[in-house]
Amino acid sequence: MKTQNEIIKQGYDALINSLGVADTIRFIQYFSPGKGDYTKERHQWLDEKTLADVLVEMKELPKDDTNQYDEIIE
């Protein structure tokens, strides 16, 4: 079984081989670890909504949102 460091190195190597060094850096910079504690903070908004509320909001979303990854693909 591979160690976590081995998996990370293999992942970086795959990215570099596929994208090159500069584009690998751009790809990695796109993702940020974020801040805060999502598990705690989600209760600030989630506890106030019912399942019915969430379903209504989901139904209001566009059905054919094919542009959700445009900022990544540019």
Protein backbone atom coordinates (compact mmCIF):
# COMPACT_ATOMS: atom_id res chain seq x y z
CA MET A 1 0.00 0.00 0.00
CA LYS A 2 1.34 3.41 -0.97
CA THR A 3 1.94 6.11 1.60
CA GLN A 4 0.09 9.42 1.35
CA ASN A 5 3.33 11.12 0.25
CA GLU A 6 3.84 8.57 -2.52
CA ILE A 7 0.32 9.14 -3.81
CA ILE A 8 0.79 12.91 -3.72
CA LYS A 9 4.10 12.65 -5.60
CA GLN A 10 2.54 10.33 -8.19
CA GLY A 11 -0.31 12.79 -8.62
CA TYR A 12 2.03 15.73 -9.12
CA ASP A 13 4.10 13.69 -11.57
CA ALA A 14 0.97 12.81 -13.55
CA LEU A 15 -0.09 16.46 -13.67
CA ILE A 16 3.36 17.62 -14.75
CA ASN A 17 3.58 14.93 -17.44
CA SER A 18 0.14 15.84 -18.73
CA LEU A 19 0.13 19.63 -18.34
CA GLY A 20 3.73 20.69 -17.98
CA VAL A 21 5.14 22.55 -14.99
CA ALA A 22 3.58 25.98 -15.61
CA ASP A 23 0.06 24.68 -16.23
CA THR A 24 0.34 22.28 -13.27
CA ILE A 25 1.08 25.27 -11.05
CA ARG A 26 -1.88 27.15 -12.53
CA PHE A 27 -4.11 24.11 -11.95
CA ILE A 28 -3.04 23.71 -8.32
CA GLN A 29 -3.42 27.44 -7.62
CA TYR A 30 -7.02 27.30 -8.81
CA PHE A 31 -7.95 25.18 -5.80
CA SER A 32 -7.66 26.64 -2.34
CA PRO A 33 -8.13 24.80 0.94
CA GLY A 34 -10.63 27.39 2.13
CA LYS A 35 -11.07 28.70 5.65
CA GLY A 36 -13.16 27.91 8.66
CA ASP A 37 -14.92 24.80 9.84
CA TYR A 38 -17.57 23.80 7.32
CA THR A 39 -19.02 21.15 9.61
CA LYS A 40 -19.82 23.77 12.26
CA GLU A 41 -20.64 26.66 9.94
CA ARG A 42 -23.12 24.76 7.79
CA HIS A 43 -25.47 24.56 10.76
CA GLN A 44 -25.84 28.35 10.60
CA TRP A 45 -27.78 28.00 7.36
CA LEU A 46 -28.72 24.34 7.22
CA ASP A 47 -30.53 24.19 10.55
CA GLU A 48 -32.86 26.95 9.37
CA LYS A 49 -34.00 25.05 6.25
CA THR A 50 -36.32 22.15 5.89
CA LEU A 51 -35.85 19.42 3.34
CA ALA A 52 -38.80 20.92 1.46
CA ASP A 53 -36.95 24.26 1.29
CA VAL A 54 -33.86 22.60 -0.15
CA LEU A 55 -35.91 20.71 -2.74
CA VAL A 56 -37.65 23.91 -3.85
CA GLU A 57 -34.27 25.64 -4.27
CA MET A 58 -32.94 22.68 -6.25
CA LYS A 59 -35.94 22.78 -8.59
CA GLU A 60 -35.31 26.49 -9.20
CA LEU A 61 -31.79 25.82 -10.49
CA PRO A 62 -31.32 25.81 -14.26
CA LYS A 63 -31.69 22.30 -15.64
CA ASP A 64 -29.08 22.66 -18.37
CA ASP A 65 -26.27 24.52 -16.63
CA THR A 66 -23.53 23.42 -19.00
CA ASN A 67 -21.36 26.43 -18.18
CA GLN A 68 -20.49 25.44 -14.64
CA TYR A 69 -16.91 24.59 -15.61
CA ASP A 70 -16.26 27.39 -18.10
CA GLU A 71 -13.92 29.19 -15.72
CA ILE A 72 -11.79 26.04 -15.50
CA ILE A 73 -11.77 25.31 -19.24
CA GLU A 74 -10.95 28.83 -20.51
